[in-house]
Every structure is written in structure tokens, then in C-alpha cells.
Amino acid sequence: MTLARRERSLIALGLLVLAFALVWFVIVRPIQAGFADREDEREQLLTTYARGERVIGAMRATRAALRRQRAGAPDWALDASSPALATDLLRETVLNAARAQHATVASVQETQAQPGTVAVRADLTTTPDRVAALVVALENLRPWPVVEQFNIVADRALEAPNGAPVDVRVDLSVRFNASRRAR
């Protein structure tokens, strides 16, 4: 069977298109896909590298912030080896602050506290003009306490209005670090 020239041309053209398609899908397309994949990987690596540079650049500031936080840690929590020792330290601190403000201390007792904190209740007697100074002294204790409750009873002011002593009850709590050694 002989084919006409036109049929042979069409078959040759079909084989040529098939050859181009084969070259395209077997050789060119995989190479092109490889370049695209490597470009995507390169972009991801550049993004990762830039993020790493930012993290490394921020390390100096992060270390400085950590040093400031460690330096300020005594302002936020008592360093004690046990809750009992932390309670005793808080009790002594409250006693000293009250005495410094010329308040008479009736009692300083341990009270119920949240885990990781210790709490005391102080019953004090002072003059009305010293109450504000006492509040400031208690607020400025180190470590900073949480004033849970503050009551002033001025029953005796009705009997002797000029300078009659007032009774003050204050509940304070403070965090403590049991994991560190007491200093």
C-alpha cells in the first residue's frame, strides 16, 4: 500500500509534533520544573535566613531585658526555701514597717494564701495622722505586697476626737520563690 504524498506529509507532521511533545514532556518540562522548585527553595531559604538574622539581632535586646528582669526579681517575690520561712520574712518586714511608722503592733498572723504566695494579717494601732504614712510604708515594702484588705476602726474617736488612736487591720500577701535559696 502506497501512501500519497499528502498523506506522507501529514504523517511526517504528526510524527514531528509527537517528537516535539515527547521532547517537551520528557526533557524540557522536568528541567523547567526543577528550576522552579529550586527557585521556591531559594526563596524559602532567604526568608528563613532573614528571620534568623532578626532573631540573632534581637538577642542582645532580649538578654538586656532578661538582665533587667532578674535585677528586679527581688521586688516581685520573696526568696525563701519554704513557705514557713517566707511567712516569717513577710511577718518581720511588716513588723519593721509598722514600727518605723510608730504604730503599735497587736499581732501579725499567718493567713490562708493562694499556692505560691504567703499572706499575713496585721492588727495595728496608730494615730489618725499616721495612717496615710503607714499605708505608704506598707505599699512600698520590697517585695511589693498585694494589699488584700485594709480596715480602719475609729471607735475611740467618738470619745476623744482629738488624736484618739485608731485600729488598723491589714491583710497582705506576697509571692515567694521556693526554688531559689534564701539570701
Protein backbone atom coordinates (compact mmCIF):
# COMPACT_ATOMS: atom_id res chain seq x y z
CA MET A 1 0.00 0.00 0.00
CA THR A 2 1.43 3.25 -1.02
CA LEU A 3 0.52 6.49 0.53
CA ALA A 4 0.01 9.64 -1.31
CA ARG A 5 2.41 12.46 -0.89
CA ARG A 6 -0.15 14.44 1.09
CA GLU A 7 -0.74 11.55 3.49
CA ARG A 8 3.00 11.09 3.97
CA SER A 9 3.32 14.80 4.76
CA LEU A 10 0.55 14.57 7.35
CA ILE A 11 2.13 11.50 8.95
CA ALA A 12 5.54 13.21 8.99
CA LEU A 13 3.97 16.31 10.52
CA GLY A 14 2.19 14.16 13.15
CA LEU A 15 5.45 12.35 13.95
CA LEU A 16 7.23 15.71 14.21
CA VAL A 17 4.55 17.03 16.61
CA LEU A 18 4.79 13.78 18.59
CA ALA A 19 8.60 14.13 18.74
CA PHE A 20 8.30 17.74 19.94
CA ALA A 21 5.71 16.73 22.54
CA LEU A 22 7.93 13.87 23.67
CA VAL A 23 10.99 16.17 23.93
CA TRP A 24 8.87 18.79 25.74
CA PHE A 25 7.34 16.40 28.30
CA VAL A 26 10.36 14.14 28.82
CA ILE A 27 13.27 16.63 28.70
CA VAL A 28 12.26 20.32 28.77
CA ARG A 29 9.35 20.21 31.25
CA PRO A 30 11.27 18.32 34.01
CA ILE A 31 14.22 20.71 33.66
CA GLN A 32 11.90 23.72 33.83
CA ALA A 33 10.10 22.25 36.88
CA GLY A 34 13.46 21.65 38.57
CA PHE A 35 14.43 25.30 38.10
CA ALA A 36 11.07 26.43 39.52
CA ASP A 37 11.40 24.10 42.52
CA ARG A 38 14.94 25.33 43.23
CA GLU A 39 13.74 28.94 42.98
CA ASP A 40 10.98 28.23 45.53
CA GLU A 41 13.52 26.57 47.85
CA ARG A 42 15.87 29.54 47.44
CA GLU A 43 13.07 31.95 48.40
CA GLN A 44 12.20 29.85 51.44
CA LEU A 45 15.86 29.74 52.49
CA LEU A 46 16.17 33.52 52.09
CA THR A 47 13.06 34.00 54.23
CA THR A 48 14.43 31.63 56.87
CA TYR A 49 17.79 33.39 56.75
CA ALA A 50 16.17 36.82 57.18
CA ARG A 51 14.10 35.54 60.12
CA GLY A 52 17.25 34.07 61.69
CA GLU A 53 19.06 37.39 61.29
CA ARG A 54 16.18 39.19 63.04
CA VAL A 55 16.25 36.69 65.90
CA ILE A 56 20.02 37.00 66.26
CA GLY A 57 19.74 40.78 66.11
CA ALA A 58 17.10 40.75 68.84
CA MET A 59 19.17 38.53 71.15
CA ARG A 60 21.11 41.48 72.56
CA ALA A 61 17.89 43.30 73.45
CA THR A 62 16.38 40.09 74.83
CA ARG A 63 19.42 39.45 77.04
CA ALA A 64 19.32 43.04 78.30
CA ALA A 65 15.61 42.65 79.14
CA LEU A 66 16.37 39.38 80.95
CA ARG A 67 19.11 41.09 83.00
CA ARG A 68 16.68 43.89 83.93
CA GLN A 69 14.02 41.34 84.93
CA ARG A 70 16.49 39.36 87.03
CA ALA A 71 17.68 42.55 88.71
CA GLY A 72 14.07 43.47 89.52
CA ALA A 73 13.05 39.97 90.68
CA PRO A 74 13.52 40.77 94.41
CA ASP A 75 10.83 43.46 94.01
CA TRP A 76 8.23 40.88 92.99
CA ALA A 77 8.79 37.79 95.16
CA LEU A 78 10.43 36.64 98.36
CA ASP A 79 13.32 34.24 98.03
CA ALA A 80 12.75 31.55 100.63
CA SER A 81 13.37 27.84 100.86
CA SER A 82 9.92 27.12 102.32
CA PRO A 83 6.53 28.79 102.78
CA ALA A 84 7.12 28.96 106.54
CA LEU A 85 10.36 30.89 106.06
CA ALA A 86 8.67 33.17 103.53
CA THR A 87 5.87 33.84 106.03
CA ASP A 88 8.40 34.67 108.75
CA LEU A 89 10.21 37.06 106.39
CA LEU A 90 6.96 38.80 105.46
CA ARG A 91 5.94 38.99 109.13
CA GLU A 92 9.28 40.61 110.04
CA THR A 93 9.01 43.04 107.12
CA VAL A 94 5.50 44.13 108.18
CA LEU A 95 6.61 44.48 111.83
CA ASN A 96 9.57 46.66 110.85
CA ALA A 97 7.43 48.86 108.57
CA ALA A 98 4.78 49.32 111.29
CA ARG A 99 7.35 50.15 113.95
CA ALA A 100 9.05 52.63 111.60
CA GLN A 101 5.71 54.47 111.39
CA HIS A 102 5.30 54.43 115.19
CA ALA A 103 2.37 52.02 115.09
CA THR A 104 1.72 49.67 117.98
CA VAL A 105 1.62 46.07 116.77
CA ALA A 106 -1.05 43.93 118.42
CA SER A 107 -0.41 40.85 116.27
CA VAL A 108 0.88 39.64 112.92
CA GLN A 109 -0.51 36.22 111.99
CA GLU A 110 -0.30 33.93 109.00
CA THR A 111 -3.49 33.66 106.95
CA GLN A 112 -4.71 31.41 104.14
CA ALA A 113 -2.93 32.13 100.84
CA GLN A 114 -3.01 31.03 97.22
CA PRO A 115 -0.36 28.48 96.10
CA GLY A 116 2.96 30.23 95.52
CA THR A 117 2.10 33.08 97.88
CA VAL A 118 2.20 33.72 101.61
CA ALA A 119 -0.16 36.00 103.50
CA VAL A 120 -0.29 37.69 106.89
CA ARG A 121 -2.84 39.73 108.81
CA ALA A 122 -1.50 42.58 110.93
CA ASP A 123 -3.52 44.25 113.70
CA LEU A 124 -2.04 47.66 114.45
CA THR A 125 -2.90 50.75 116.46
CA THR A 126 -1.80 54.21 115.35
CA THR A 127 -2.93 57.81 115.33
CA PRO A 128 -5.16 59.17 112.54
CA ASP A 129 -2.42 61.41 111.19
CA ARG A 130 -0.05 58.42 110.83
CA VAL A 131 -2.49 56.20 108.89
CA ALA A 132 -1.55 57.64 105.48
CA ALA A 133 2.16 57.23 106.25
CA LEU A 134 1.50 53.64 107.33
CA VAL A 135 -0.32 52.91 104.05
CA VAL A 136 2.57 54.34 102.03
CA ALA A 137 5.10 52.34 104.08
CA LEU A 138 3.15 49.10 103.51
CA GLU A 139 2.76 49.80 99.78
CA ASN A 140 6.49 50.40 99.39
CA LEU A 141 7.63 47.17 101.03
CA ARG A 142 10.00 45.01 98.99
CA PRO A 143 8.94 42.67 97.59
CA TRP A 144 5.79 44.53 96.67
CA PRO A 145 2.86 43.05 98.56
CA VAL A 146 -0.73 42.78 97.47
CA VAL A 147 -2.94 44.55 100.00
CA GLU A 148 -5.85 42.15 100.18
CA GLN A 149 -7.83 44.08 102.79
CA PHE A 150 -7.35 47.29 104.77
CA ASN A 151 -9.74 48.19 107.62
CA ILE A 152 -9.67 51.21 109.90
CA VAL A 153 -11.76 51.21 113.07
CA ALA A 154 -12.06 54.59 114.80
CA ASP A 155 -14.48 53.76 117.66
CA ARG A 156 -12.48 55.72 120.22
CA ALA A 157 -12.66 58.88 118.08
CA LEU A 158 -16.21 59.48 119.39
CA GLU A 159 -14.97 59.52 122.99
CA ALA A 160 -11.83 61.59 122.43
CA PRO A 161 -11.94 63.24 118.98
CA ASN A 162 -8.51 64.91 119.19
CA GLY A 163 -5.84 62.33 118.43
CA ALA A 164 -7.65 59.20 119.59
CA PRO A 165 -5.87 56.10 118.37
CA VAL A 166 -7.36 54.08 115.51
CA ASP A 167 -7.18 50.36 114.99
CA VAL A 168 -5.93 49.17 111.61
CA ARG A 169 -6.22 45.65 110.23
CA VAL A 170 -4.34 44.91 107.04
CA ASP A 171 -4.10 41.65 105.10
CA LEU A 172 -1.03 41.40 102.88
CA SER A 173 0.13 38.67 100.52
CA VAL A 174 3.31 38.29 98.53
CA ARG A 175 4.64 35.73 96.06
CA PHE A 176 7.62 33.62 97.01
CA ASN A 177 10.15 31.57 95.10
CA ALA A 178 10.66 28.24 96.82
CA SER A 179 13.02 27.01 94.13
CA ARG A 180 15.72 29.54 94.97
CA ARG A 181 17.86 29.61 98.04
CA ALA A 182 17.16 32.29 100.57
CA ARG A 183 19.70 35.09 100.54
